Amino acid sequence: MEAPHLLVHDRKDTVGVVVVEGLKAGTDMLAVVTADNSAFRLQSKMDVPIGHKVALGDIRKGDTVWKYGQDIGVAVADIAKGEHVHVHNLKTKRW
């Protein structure tokens, strides 16, 4: 099996974490779900740095974003499947 580009920790997650350096837009990513060792493919729509998040499906403004099976915040803009998820489109609910 090839090395994954993206790790997803829980089936309810809406984002995965990039685990390779230099991920480029257009990459056909292998995503692995660590909870059950299943895999799926997803195309990156943007360059995304290692350690950053990618949307696994379309996320609408106001939706809760899930990572590691946990609520990590709210989308402050629409985010398309395969796009970079970071401080420009995600905000914590703490403040």
Protein backbone atom coordinates (compact mmCIF):
# COMPACT_ATOMS: atom_id res chain seq x y z
CA MET A 1 0.00 0.00 0.00
CA GLU A 2 1.29 3.47 -0.84
CA ALA A 3 1.97 5.98 1.92
CA PRO A 4 -1.03 8.16 2.79
CA HIS A 5 -1.18 11.89 2.09
CA LEU A 6 -3.94 12.51 4.62
CA LEU A 7 -4.92 11.01 7.98
CA VAL A 8 -8.49 11.00 9.25
CA HIS A 9 -8.92 9.85 12.82
CA ASP A 10 -12.66 9.26 13.18
CA ARG A 11 -15.43 8.45 10.69
CA LYS A 12 -17.38 11.57 11.75
CA ASP A 13 -14.44 13.88 11.03
CA THR A 14 -15.04 16.49 8.34
CA VAL A 15 -11.33 17.27 7.89
CA GLY A 16 -8.16 15.24 7.55
CA VAL A 17 -4.56 16.18 8.35
CA VAL A 18 -1.91 16.42 5.63
CA VAL A 19 1.05 14.17 6.50
CA VAL A 20 3.38 14.87 3.54
CA GLU A 21 5.58 17.84 2.68
CA GLY A 22 4.70 19.93 -0.36
CA LEU A 23 1.14 18.75 -1.08
CA LYS A 24 0.13 20.41 -4.34
CA ALA A 25 -3.24 21.34 -5.82
CA GLY A 26 -4.53 18.55 -8.03
CA THR A 27 -2.91 15.73 -6.02
CA ASP A 28 -4.95 12.52 -5.91
CA MET A 29 -4.57 11.98 -2.16
CA LEU A 30 -4.76 8.66 -0.36
CA ALA A 31 -6.61 9.24 2.92
CA VAL A 32 -6.50 6.63 5.70
CA VAL A 33 -9.04 6.49 8.54
CA THR A 34 -7.03 5.42 11.58
CA ALA A 35 -10.08 4.31 13.59
CA ASP A 36 -10.71 1.35 11.26
CA ASN A 37 -7.72 1.40 8.85
CA SER A 38 -10.01 2.03 5.88
CA ALA A 39 -8.94 4.25 3.00
CA PHE A 40 -10.41 6.51 0.34
CA ARG A 41 -9.15 8.95 -2.28
CA LEU A 42 -9.68 12.70 -2.47
CA GLN A 43 -8.31 15.38 -4.78
CA SER A 44 -6.58 18.40 -3.26
CA LYS A 45 -7.90 21.67 -4.67
CA MET A 46 -5.08 23.75 -3.15
CA ASP A 47 -1.47 23.53 -2.04
CA VAL A 48 -1.65 22.58 1.65
CA PRO A 49 1.26 22.59 4.13
CA ILE A 50 2.08 19.51 6.19
CA GLY A 51 0.08 19.43 9.45
CA HIS A 52 -2.76 21.52 8.03
CA LYS A 53 -6.31 20.34 7.33
CA VAL A 54 -8.24 19.47 4.17
CA ALA A 55 -12.05 19.38 3.91
CA LEU A 56 -13.31 15.84 3.29
CA GLY A 57 -16.61 17.12 1.88
CA ASP A 58 -18.28 20.46 1.33
CA ILE A 59 -18.52 22.42 4.60
CA ARG A 60 -20.97 25.31 4.74
CA LYS A 61 -20.49 28.58 6.61
CA GLY A 62 -21.80 28.00 10.14
CA ASP A 63 -21.16 24.22 10.12
CA THR A 64 -19.26 22.58 12.95
CA VAL A 65 -15.88 21.22 11.84
CA TRP A 66 -14.81 17.83 13.27
CA LYS A 67 -11.24 16.57 13.73
CA TYR A 68 -10.11 13.63 15.91
CA GLY A 69 -13.82 13.01 16.57
CA GLN A 70 -13.99 16.39 18.34
CA ASP A 71 -15.67 19.71 17.57
CA ILE A 72 -12.76 22.04 16.68
CA GLY A 73 -14.76 25.09 15.65
CA VAL A 74 -17.13 26.63 13.15
CA ALA A 75 -16.64 27.38 9.47
CA VAL A 76 -16.67 31.15 8.87
CA ALA A 77 -16.87 30.68 5.09
CA ASP A 78 -18.00 27.96 2.72
CA ILE A 79 -15.23 25.39 2.23
CA ALA A 80 -15.30 23.05 -0.75
CA LYS A 81 -14.26 19.40 -0.64
CA GLY A 82 -10.48 19.21 -1.03
CA GLU A 83 -9.79 22.79 0.10
CA HIS A 84 -7.40 23.96 2.81
CA VAL A 85 -9.05 24.46 6.22
CA HIS A 86 -7.23 26.89 8.50
CA VAL A 87 -7.58 30.24 10.30
CA HIS A 88 -8.92 31.97 7.17
CA ASN A 89 -12.10 29.84 7.14
CA LEU A 90 -12.32 28.24 10.62
CA LYS A 91 -12.83 29.84 14.02
CA THR A 92 -12.88 28.34 17.48
CA LYS A 93 -16.19 28.48 19.35
CA ARG A 94 -14.37 29.41 22.57
CA TRP A 95 -14.23 33.15 21.81
